PDB file of N, CA and C in Angstrom:
ATOM      1  N   MET A   1     125.810   7.526 113.638  1.00  0.00           N
ATOM      2  CA  MET A   1     126.220   8.583 112.714  1.00  0.00           C
ATOM      3  C   MET A   1     127.222   9.484 113.438  1.00  0.00           C
ATOM      4  N   HIS A   2     128.359   9.676 112.822  1.00  0.00           N
ATOM      5  CA  HIS A   2     129.342  10.571 113.413  1.00  0.00           C
ATOM      6  C   HIS A   2     128.956  12.019 113.124  1.00  0.00           C
ATOM      7  N   SER A   3     129.569  12.945 113.805  1.00  0.00           N
ATOM      8  CA  SER A   3     129.267  14.357 113.599  1.00  0.00           C
ATOM      9  C   SER A   3     129.733  14.811 112.229  1.00  0.00           C
ATOM     10  N   LEU A   4     128.836  15.384 111.495  1.00  0.00           N
ATOM     11  CA  LEU A   4     129.160  15.893 110.163  1.00  0.00           C
ATOM     12  C   LEU A   4     129.681  17.324 110.230  1.00  0.00           C
ATOM     13  N   GLN A   5     129.518  17.942 111.396  1.00  0.00           N
ATOM     14  CA  GLN A   5     129.907  19.343 111.562  1.00  0.00           C
ATOM     15  C   GLN A   5     131.389  19.553 111.271  1.00  0.00           C
ATOM     16  N   ASN A   6     132.217  18.595 111.647  1.00  0.00           N
ATOM     17  CA  ASN A   6     133.659  18.749 111.477  1.00  0.00           C
ATOM     18  C   ASN A   6     134.161  18.276 110.120  1.00  0.00           C
ATOM     19  N   HIS A   7     133.270  17.713 109.308  1.00  0.00           N
ATOM     20  CA  HIS A   7     133.674  17.244 107.986  1.00  0.00           C
ATOM     21  C   HIS A   7     133.807  18.459 107.078  1.00  0.00           C
ATOM     22  N   ALA A   8     134.974  18.649 106.526  1.00  0.00           N
ATOM     23  CA  ALA A   8     135.269  19.869 105.770  1.00  0.00           C
ATOM     24  C   ALA A   8     134.499  19.964 104.452  1.00  0.00           C
ATOM     25  N   HIS A   9     134.267  18.856 103.811  1.00  0.00           N
ATOM     26  CA  HIS A   9     133.656  18.879 102.487  1.00  0.00           C
ATOM     27  C   HIS A   9     132.300  18.192 102.522  1.00  0.00           C
ATOM     28  N   LYS A  10     131.238  19.016 102.470  1.00  0.00           N
ATOM     29  CA  LYS A  10     129.892  18.453 102.487  1.00  0.00           C
ATOM     30  C   LYS A  10     128.938  19.364 101.728  1.00  0.00           C
ATOM     31  N   ALA A  11     127.854  18.757 101.270  1.00  0.00           N
ATOM     32  CA  ALA A  11     126.762  19.506 100.640  1.00  0.00           C
ATOM     33  C   ALA A  11     125.544  19.310 101.528  1.00  0.00           C
ATOM     34  N   VAL A  12     124.876  20.398 101.886  1.00  0.00           N
ATOM     35  CA  VAL A  12     123.737  20.351 102.789  1.00  0.00           C
ATOM     36  C   VAL A  12     122.484  20.801 102.045  1.00  0.00           C
ATOM     37  N   GLY A  13     121.439  19.998 102.121  1.00  0.00           N
ATOM     38  CA  GLY A  13     120.187  20.316 101.441  1.00  0.00           C
ATOM     39  C   GLY A  13     120.014  19.485 100.184  1.00  0.00           C
ATOM     40  N   SER A  14     118.782  19.158  99.877  1.00  0.00           N
ATOM     41  CA  SER A  14     118.512  18.232  98.775  1.00  0.00           C
ATOM     42  C   SER A  14     118.998  18.753  97.425  1.00  0.00           C
ATOM     43  N   ARG A  15     118.840  20.043  97.155  1.00  0.00           N
ATOM     44  CA  ARG A  15     119.300  20.578  95.857  1.00  0.00           C
ATOM     45  C   ARG A  15     120.812  20.497  95.715  1.00  0.00           C
ATOM     46  N   GLN A  16     121.520  20.834  96.779  1.00  0.00           N
ATOM     47  CA  GLN A  16     122.982  20.797  96.717  1.00  0.00           C
ATOM     48  C   GLN A  16     123.497  19.362  96.670  1.00  0.00           C
ATOM     49  N   VAL A  17     122.813  18.458  97.363  1.00  0.00           N
ATOM     50  CA  VAL A  17     123.202  17.047  97.321  1.00  0.00           C
ATOM     51  C   VAL A  17     123.007  16.506  95.908  1.00  0.00           C
ATOM     52  N   LYS A  18     121.889  16.846  95.285  1.00  0.00           N
ATOM     53  CA  LYS A  18     121.639  16.399  93.904  1.00  0.00           C
ATOM     54  C   LYS A  18     122.734  16.887  92.971  1.00  0.00           C
ATOM     55  N   LYS A  19     123.120  18.144  93.105  1.00  0.00           N
ATOM     56  CA  LYS A  19     124.199  18.699  92.266  1.00  0.00           C
ATOM     57  C   LYS A  19     125.502  17.938  92.481  1.00  0.00           C
ATOM     58  N   ALA A  20     125.807  17.620  93.742  1.00  0.00           N
ATOM     59  CA  ALA A  20     127.046  16.902  94.055  1.00  0.00           C
ATOM     60  C   ALA A  20     127.025  15.496  93.463  1.00  0.00           C
ATOM     61  N   ILE A  21     125.877  14.834  93.528  1.00  0.00           N
ATOM     62  CA  ILE A  21     125.761  13.494  92.952  1.00  0.00           C
ATOM     63  C   ILE A  21     125.976  13.558  91.439  1.00  0.00           C
ATOM     64  N   LEU A  22     125.318  14.510  90.800  1.00  0.00           N
ATOM     65  CA  LEU A  22     125.427  14.627  89.342  1.00  0.00           C
ATOM     66  C   LEU A  22     126.836  15.011  88.896  1.00  0.00           C
ATOM     67  N   LYS A  23     127.540  15.803  89.705  1.00  0.00           N
ATOM     68  CA  LYS A  23     128.926  16.181  89.388  1.00  0.00           C
ATOM     69  C   LYS A  23     129.911  15.058  89.661  1.00  0.00           C
ATOM     70  N   GLY A  24     129.477  14.066  90.439  1.00  0.00           N
ATOM     71  CA  GLY A  24     130.359  12.954  90.784  1.00  0.00           C
ATOM     72  C   GLY A  24     131.252  13.228  91.984  1.00  0.00           C
ATOM     73  N   THR A  25     130.918  14.240  92.786  1.00  0.00           N
ATOM     74  CA  THR A  25     131.748  14.577  93.945  1.00  0.00           C
ATOM     75  C   THR A  25     131.218  13.987  95.256  1.00  0.00           C
ATOM     76  N   ALA A  26     129.987  13.449  95.258  1.00  0.00           N
ATOM     77  CA  ALA A  26     129.408  12.870  96.473  1.00  0.00           C
ATOM     78  C   ALA A  26     129.979  11.472  96.716  1.00  0.00           C
ATOM     79  N   LYS A  27     130.506  11.250  97.935  1.00  0.00           N
ATOM     80  CA  LYS A  27     131.043   9.937  98.313  1.00  0.00           C
ATOM     81  C   LYS A  27     130.027   9.139  99.116  1.00  0.00           C
ATOM     82  N   LYS A  28     129.264   9.816  99.948  1.00  0.00           N
ATOM     83  CA  LYS A  28     128.273   9.175 100.812  1.00  0.00           C
ATOM     84  C   LYS A  28     127.145  10.166 101.031  1.00  0.00           C
ATOM     85  N   VAL A  29     125.916   9.666 101.066  1.00  0.00           N
ATOM     86  CA  VAL A  29     124.758  10.533 101.237  1.00  0.00           C
ATOM     87  C   VAL A  29     123.963  10.087 102.459  1.00  0.00           C
ATOM     88  N   TYR A  30     123.602  11.045 103.290  1.00  0.00           N
ATOM     89  CA  TYR A  30     122.745  10.814 104.444  1.00  0.00           C
ATOM     90  C   TYR A  30     121.348  11.310 104.083  1.00  0.00           C
ATOM     91  N   ILE A  31     120.337  10.489 104.345  1.00  0.00           N
ATOM     92  CA  ILE A  31     118.953  10.819 104.033  1.00  0.00           C
ATOM     93  C   ILE A  31     118.130  10.764 105.319  1.00  0.00           C
ATOM     94  N   ALA A  32     117.352  11.825 105.574  1.00  0.00           N
ATOM     95  CA  ALA A  32     116.463  11.844 106.739  1.00  0.00           C
ATOM     96  C   ALA A  32     115.204  11.041 106.405  1.00  0.00           C
ATOM     97  N   GLN A  33     114.861  10.098 107.262  1.00  0.00           N
ATOM     98  CA  GLN A  33     113.712   9.237 107.005  1.00  0.00           C
ATOM     99  C   GLN A  33     112.380   9.964 107.118  1.00  0.00           C
ATOM    100  N   ASP A  34     112.342  11.094 107.833  1.00  0.00           N
ATOM    101  CA  ASP A  34     111.081  11.820 107.955  1.00  0.00           C
ATOM    102  C   ASP A  34     110.917  12.912 106.901  1.00  0.00           C
ATOM    103  N   ALA A  35     111.851  13.003 105.972  1.00  0.00           N
ATOM    104  CA  ALA A  35     111.735  13.981 104.887  1.00  0.00           C
ATOM    105  C   ALA A  35     110.676  13.507 103.890  1.00  0.00           C
ATOM    106  N   GLU A  36     110.117  14.444 103.157  1.00  0.00           N
ATOM    107  CA  GLU A  36     109.088  14.092 102.179  1.00  0.00           C
ATOM    108  C   GLU A  36     109.684  13.203 101.093  1.00  0.00           C
ATOM    109  N   LYS A  37     108.947  12.159 100.769  1.00  0.00           N
ATOM    110  CA  LYS A  37     109.450  11.150  99.826  1.00  0.00           C
ATOM    111  C   LYS A  37     109.686  11.722  98.434  1.00  0.00           C
ATOM    112  N   HIS A  38     108.885  12.704  98.028  1.00  0.00           N
ATOM    113  CA  HIS A  38     109.100  13.277  96.693  1.00  0.00           C
ATOM    114  C   HIS A  38     110.421  14.055  96.618  1.00  0.00           C
ATOM    115  N   VAL A  39     110.974  14.396  97.771  1.00  0.00           N
ATOM    116  CA  VAL A  39     112.277  15.067  97.833  1.00  0.00           C
ATOM    117  C   VAL A  39     113.411  14.036  97.850  1.00  0.00           C
ATOM    118  N   THR A  40     113.248  12.992  98.657  1.00  0.00           N
ATOM    119  CA  THR A  40     114.344  12.044  98.848  1.00  0.00           C
ATOM    120  C   THR A  40     114.403  10.935  97.803  1.00  0.00           C
ATOM    121  N   ARG A  41     113.273  10.547  97.239  1.00  0.00           N
ATOM    122  CA  ARG A  41     113.248   9.439  96.283  1.00  0.00           C
ATOM    123  C   ARG A  41     114.203   9.655  95.101  1.00  0.00           C
ATOM    124  N   PRO A  42     114.206  10.827  94.466  1.00  0.00           N
ATOM    125  CA  PRO A  42     115.142  11.037  93.345  1.00  0.00           C
ATOM    126  C   PRO A  42     116.612  10.943  93.774  1.00  0.00           C
ATOM    127  N   LEU A  43     116.917  11.389  94.999  1.00  0.00           N
ATOM    128  CA  LEU A  43     118.291  11.307  95.492  1.00  0.00           C
ATOM    129  C   LEU A  43     118.693   9.852  95.708  1.00  0.00           C
ATOM    130  N   ILE A  44     117.789   9.081  96.273  1.00  0.00           N
ATOM    131  CA  ILE A  44     118.060   7.662  96.512  1.00  0.00           C
ATOM    132  C   ILE A  44     118.296   6.946  95.185  1.00  0.00           C
ATOM    133  N   GLU A  45     117.455   7.234  94.197  1.00  0.00           N
ATOM    134  CA  GLU A  45     117.602   6.606  92.877  1.00  0.00           C
ATOM    135  C   GLU A  45     118.935   6.968  92.236  1.00  0.00           C
ATOM    136  N   LEU A  46     119.330   8.241  92.325  1.00  0.00           N
ATOM    137  CA  LEU A  46     120.617   8.667  91.768  1.00  0.00           C
ATOM    138  C   LEU A  46     121.780   7.960  92.456  1.00  0.00           C
ATOM    139  N   CYS A  47     121.690   7.845  93.780  1.00  0.00           N
ATOM    140  CA  CYS A  47     122.749   7.161  94.529  1.00  0.00           C
ATOM    141  C   CYS A  47     122.850   5.697  94.116  1.00  0.00           C
ATOM    142  N   GLN A  48     121.712   5.047  93.950  1.00  0.00           N
ATOM    143  CA  GLN A  48     121.718   3.646  93.552  1.00  0.00           C
ATOM    144  C   GLN A  48     122.303   3.470  92.154  1.00  0.00           C
ATOM    145  N   GLU A  49     121.961   4.364  91.245  1.00  0.00           N
ATOM    146  CA  GLU A  49     122.490   4.307  89.877  1.00  0.00           C
ATOM    147  C   GLU A  49     124.003   4.475  89.855  1.00  0.00           C
ATOM    148  N   ARG A  50     124.515   5.297  90.765  1.00  0.00           N
ATOM    149  CA  ARG A  50     125.946   5.634  90.770  1.00  0.00           C
ATOM    150  C   ARG A  50     126.731   4.901  91.861  1.00  0.00           C
ATOM    151  N   ASN A  51     126.093   3.951  92.513  1.00  0.00           N
ATOM    152  CA  ASN A  51     126.734   3.156  93.573  1.00  0.00           C
ATOM    153  C   ASN A  51     127.325   4.018  94.683  1.00  0.00           C
ATOM    154  N   ILE A  52     126.556   5.018  95.117  1.00  0.00           N
ATOM    155  CA  ILE A  52     126.966   5.891  96.220  1.00  0.00           C
ATOM    156  C   ILE A  52     126.301   5.367  97.494  1.00  0.00           C
ATOM    157  N   GLU A  53     127.100   5.225  98.540  1.00  0.00           N
ATOM    158  CA  GLU A  53     126.592   4.710  99.813  1.00  0.00           C
ATOM    159  C   GLU A  53     125.551   5.660 100.400  1.00  0.00           C
ATOM    160  N   ILE A  54     124.465   5.086 100.911  1.00  0.00           N
ATOM    161  CA  ILE A  54     123.401   5.854 101.564  1.00  0.00           C
ATOM    162  C   ILE A  54     123.321   5.413 103.019  1.00  0.00           C
ATOM    163  N   GLU A  55     123.216   6.388 103.918  1.00  0.00           N
ATOM    164  CA  GLU A  55     122.946   6.092 105.322  1.00  0.00           C
ATOM    165  C   GLU A  55     121.688   6.851 105.715  1.00  0.00           C
ATOM    166  N   TYR A  56     120.752   6.143 106.306  1.00  0.00           N
ATOM    167  CA  TYR A  56     119.494   6.759 106.713  1.00  0.00           C
ATOM    168  C   TYR A  56     119.588   7.250 108.156  1.00  0.00           C
ATOM    169  N   VAL A  57     119.024   8.429 108.384  1.00  0.00           N
ATOM    170  CA  VAL A  57     119.013   9.078 109.691  1.00  0.00           C
ATOM    171  C   VAL A  57     117.544   9.242 110.086  1.00  0.00           C
ATOM    172  N   ASP A  58     117.247   9.146 111.362  1.00  0.00           N
ATOM    173  CA  ASP A  58     115.857   9.181 111.823  1.00  0.00           C
ATOM    174  C   ASP A  58     115.099  10.437 111.420  1.00  0.00           C
ATOM    175  N   SER A  59     115.735  11.611 111.580  1.00  0.00           N
ATOM    176  CA  SER A  59     114.966  12.839 111.361  1.00  0.00           C
ATOM    177  C   SER A  59     115.789  13.935 110.699  1.00  0.00           C
ATOM    178  N   MET A  60     115.060  14.856 110.071  1.00  0.00           N
ATOM    179  CA  MET A  60     115.693  16.025 109.466  1.00  0.00           C
ATOM    180  C   MET A  60     116.374  16.868 110.540  1.00  0.00           C
ATOM    181  N   ALA A  61     115.746  16.984 111.707  1.00  0.00           N
ATOM    182  CA  ALA A  61     116.323  17.773 112.802  1.00  0.00           C
ATOM    183  C   ALA A  61     117.655  17.175 113.245  1.00  0.00           C
ATOM    184  N   GLU A  62     117.699  15.839 113.367  1.00  0.00           N
ATOM    185  CA  GLU A  62     118.935  15.164 113.769  1.00  0.00           C
ATOM    186  C   GLU A  62     120.042  15.382 112.732  1.00  0.00           C
ATOM    187  N   LEU A  63     119.687  15.317 111.467  1.00  0.00           N
ATOM    188  CA  LEU A  63     120.671  15.506 110.402  1.00  0.00           C
ATOM    189  C   LEU A  63     121.177  16.948 110.378  1.00  0.00           C
ATOM    190  N   GLY A  64     120.274  17.903 110.546  1.00  0.00           N
ATOM    191  CA  GLY A  64     120.683  19.303 110.601  1.00  0.00           C
ATOM    192  C   GLY A  64     121.595  19.572 111.789  1.00  0.00           C
ATOM    193  N   LYS A  65     121.246  19.021 112.942  1.00  0.00           N
ATOM    194  CA  LYS A  65     122.057  19.210 114.148  1.00  0.00           C
ATOM    195  C   LYS A  65     123.454  18.616 113.959  1.00  0.00           C
ATOM    196  N   ALA A  66     123.532  17.438 113.330  1.00  0.00           N
ATOM    197  CA  ALA A  66     124.830  16.804 113.090  1.00  0.00           C
ATOM    198  C   ALA A  66     125.716  17.658 112.183  1.00  0.00           C
ATOM    199  N   CYS A  67     125.078  18.485 111.350  1.00  0.00           N
ATOM    200  CA  CYS A  67     125.829  19.370 110.446  1.00  0.00           C
ATOM    201  C   CYS A  67     126.138  20.719 111.088  1.00  0.00           C
ATOM    202  N   GLY A  68     125.585  20.944 112.267  1.00  0.00           N
ATOM    203  CA  GLY A  68     125.831  22.208 112.948  1.00  0.00           C
ATOM    204  C   GLY A  68     124.962  23.340 112.447  1.00  0.00           C
ATOM    205  N   ILE A  69     123.788  23.013 111.887  1.00  0.00           N
ATOM    206  CA  ILE A  69     122.871  24.069 111.441  1.00  0.00           C
ATOM    207  C   ILE A  69     121.627  24.039 112.318  1.00  0.00           C
ATOM    208  N   ALA A  70     120.951  25.169 112.404  1.00  0.00           N
ATOM    209  CA  ALA A  70     119.822  25.323 113.319  1.00  0.00           C
ATOM    210  C   ALA A  70     118.507  24.809 112.743  1.00  0.00           C
ATOM    211  N   VAL A  71     118.502  24.378 111.494  1.00  0.00           N
ATOM    212  CA  VAL A  71     117.291  23.872 110.854  1.00  0.00           C
ATOM    213  C   VAL A  71     117.531  22.439 110.396  1.00  0.00           C
ATOM    214  N   GLY A  72     116.453  21.754 110.088  1.00  0.00           N
ATOM    215  CA  GLY A  72     116.571  20.388 109.606  1.00  0.00           C
ATOM    216  C   GLY A  72     117.050  20.340 108.173  1.00  0.00           C
ATOM    217  N   SER A  73     117.517  19.178 107.770  1.00  0.00           N
ATOM    218  CA  SER A  73     117.961  18.960 106.392  1.00  0.00           C
ATOM    219  C   SER A  73     117.494  17.589 105.935  1.00  0.00           C
ATOM    220  N   ALA A  74     116.947  17.525 104.724  1.00  0.00           N
ATOM    221  CA  ALA A  74     116.474  16.253 104.173  1.00  0.00           C
ATOM    222  C   ALA A  74     117.637  15.368 103.767  1.00  0.00           C
ATOM    223  N   ALA A  75     118.739  15.994 103.348  1.00  0.00           N
ATOM    224  CA  ALA A  75     119.876  15.216 102.849  1.00  0.00           C
ATOM    225  C   ALA A  75     121.177  15.979 103.036  1.00  0.00           C
ATOM    226  N   VAL A  76     122.246  15.201 103.212  1.00  0.00           N
ATOM    227  CA  VAL A  76     123.606  15.750 103.301  1.00  0.00           C
ATOM    228  C   VAL A  76     124.518  14.783 102.560  1.00  0.00           C
ATOM    229  N   ALA A  77     125.473  15.329 101.820  1.00  0.00           N
ATOM    230  CA  ALA A  77     126.445  14.481 101.131  1.00  0.00           C
ATOM    231  C   ALA A  77     127.847  14.805 101.614  1.00  0.00           C
ATOM    232  N   LEU A  78     128.635  13.771 101.853  1.00  0.00           N
ATOM    233  CA  LEU A  78     130.061  13.955 102.094  1.00  0.00           C
ATOM    234  C   LEU A  78     130.716  13.978 100.722  1.00  0.00           C
ATOM    235  N   LEU A  79     131.573  14.960 100.515  1.00  0.00           N
ATOM    236  CA  LEU A  79     132.160  15.165  99.200  1.00  0.00           C
ATOM    237  C   LEU A  79     133.604  14.715  99.149  1.00  0.00           C
ATOM    238  N   SER A  80     134.020  14.345  97.961  1.00  0.00           N
ATOM    239  CA  SER A  80     135.427  14.034  97.736  1.00  0.00           C
ATOM    240  C   SER A  80     136.228  15.319  97.841  1.00  0.00           C
ATOM    241  N   GLU A  81     137.532  15.204  97.844  1.00  0.00           N
ATOM    242  CA  GLU A  81     138.395  16.380  98.057  1.00  0.00           C
ATOM    243  C   GLU A  81     138.186  17.480  97.026  1.00  0.00           C
ATOM    244  N   GLN A  82     137.795  17.139  95.785  1.00  0.00           N
ATOM    245  CA  GLN A  82     137.603  18.188  94.795  1.00  0.00           C
ATOM    246  C   GLN A  82     136.287  18.938  95.025  1.00  0.00           C
ATOM    247  N   GLY A  83     135.401  18.339  95.868  1.00  0.00           N
ATOM    248  CA  GLY A  83     134.156  19.029  96.194  1.00  0.00           C
ATOM    249  C   GLY A  83     134.427  20.092  97.245  1.00  0.00           C
ATOM    250  N   LYS A  84     133.561  21.075  97.325  1.00  0.00           N
ATOM    251  CA  LYS A  84     133.707  22.100  98.356  1.00  0.00           C
ATOM    252  C   LYS A  84     132.414  22.199  99.137  1.00  0.00           C
ATOM    253  N   GLU A  85     132.455  22.810 100.289  1.00  0.00           N
ATOM    254  CA  GLU A  85     131.262  22.892 101.114  1.00  0.00           C
ATOM    255  C   GLU A  85     130.249  23.831 100.481  1.00  0.00           C
ATOM    256  N   VAL A  86     129.028  23.345 100.372  1.00  0.00           N
ATOM    257  CA  VAL A  86     127.931  24.146  99.837  1.00  0.00           C
ATOM    258  C   VAL A  86     126.707  23.944 100.725  1.00  0.00           C
ATOM    259  N   GLN A  87     125.825  24.920 100.760  1.00  0.00           N
ATOM    260  CA  GLN A  87     124.640  24.829 101.585  1.00  0.00           C
ATOM    261  C   GLN A  87     123.508  25.566 100.924  1.00  0.00           C
ATOM    262  N   ASP A  88     122.293  25.004 100.995  1.00  0.00           N
ATOM    263  CA  ASP A  88     121.082  25.666 100.476  1.00  0.00           C
ATOM    264  C   ASP A  88     120.824  26.935 101.236  1.00  0.00           C
TER     265      ASP A  88
END
């Protein structure tokens, strides 16, 4: 997994990732494998329905660190150019 910190357009957190998927601005979604399944399952299903690439990451802490935040994150989405950076 490359560093997400330098990626200009991303959504951090499961609620913001869900919004990005529904708006059609998510290009790729990272999911933490240690996140609660009731949080990640709906995101995975949405990605599969919309043919959005999913990459799994070992832990929420690792995903948060890759984004440059001090807390873990269950999900992060890379956004298309019309998307803007958002965070829970």
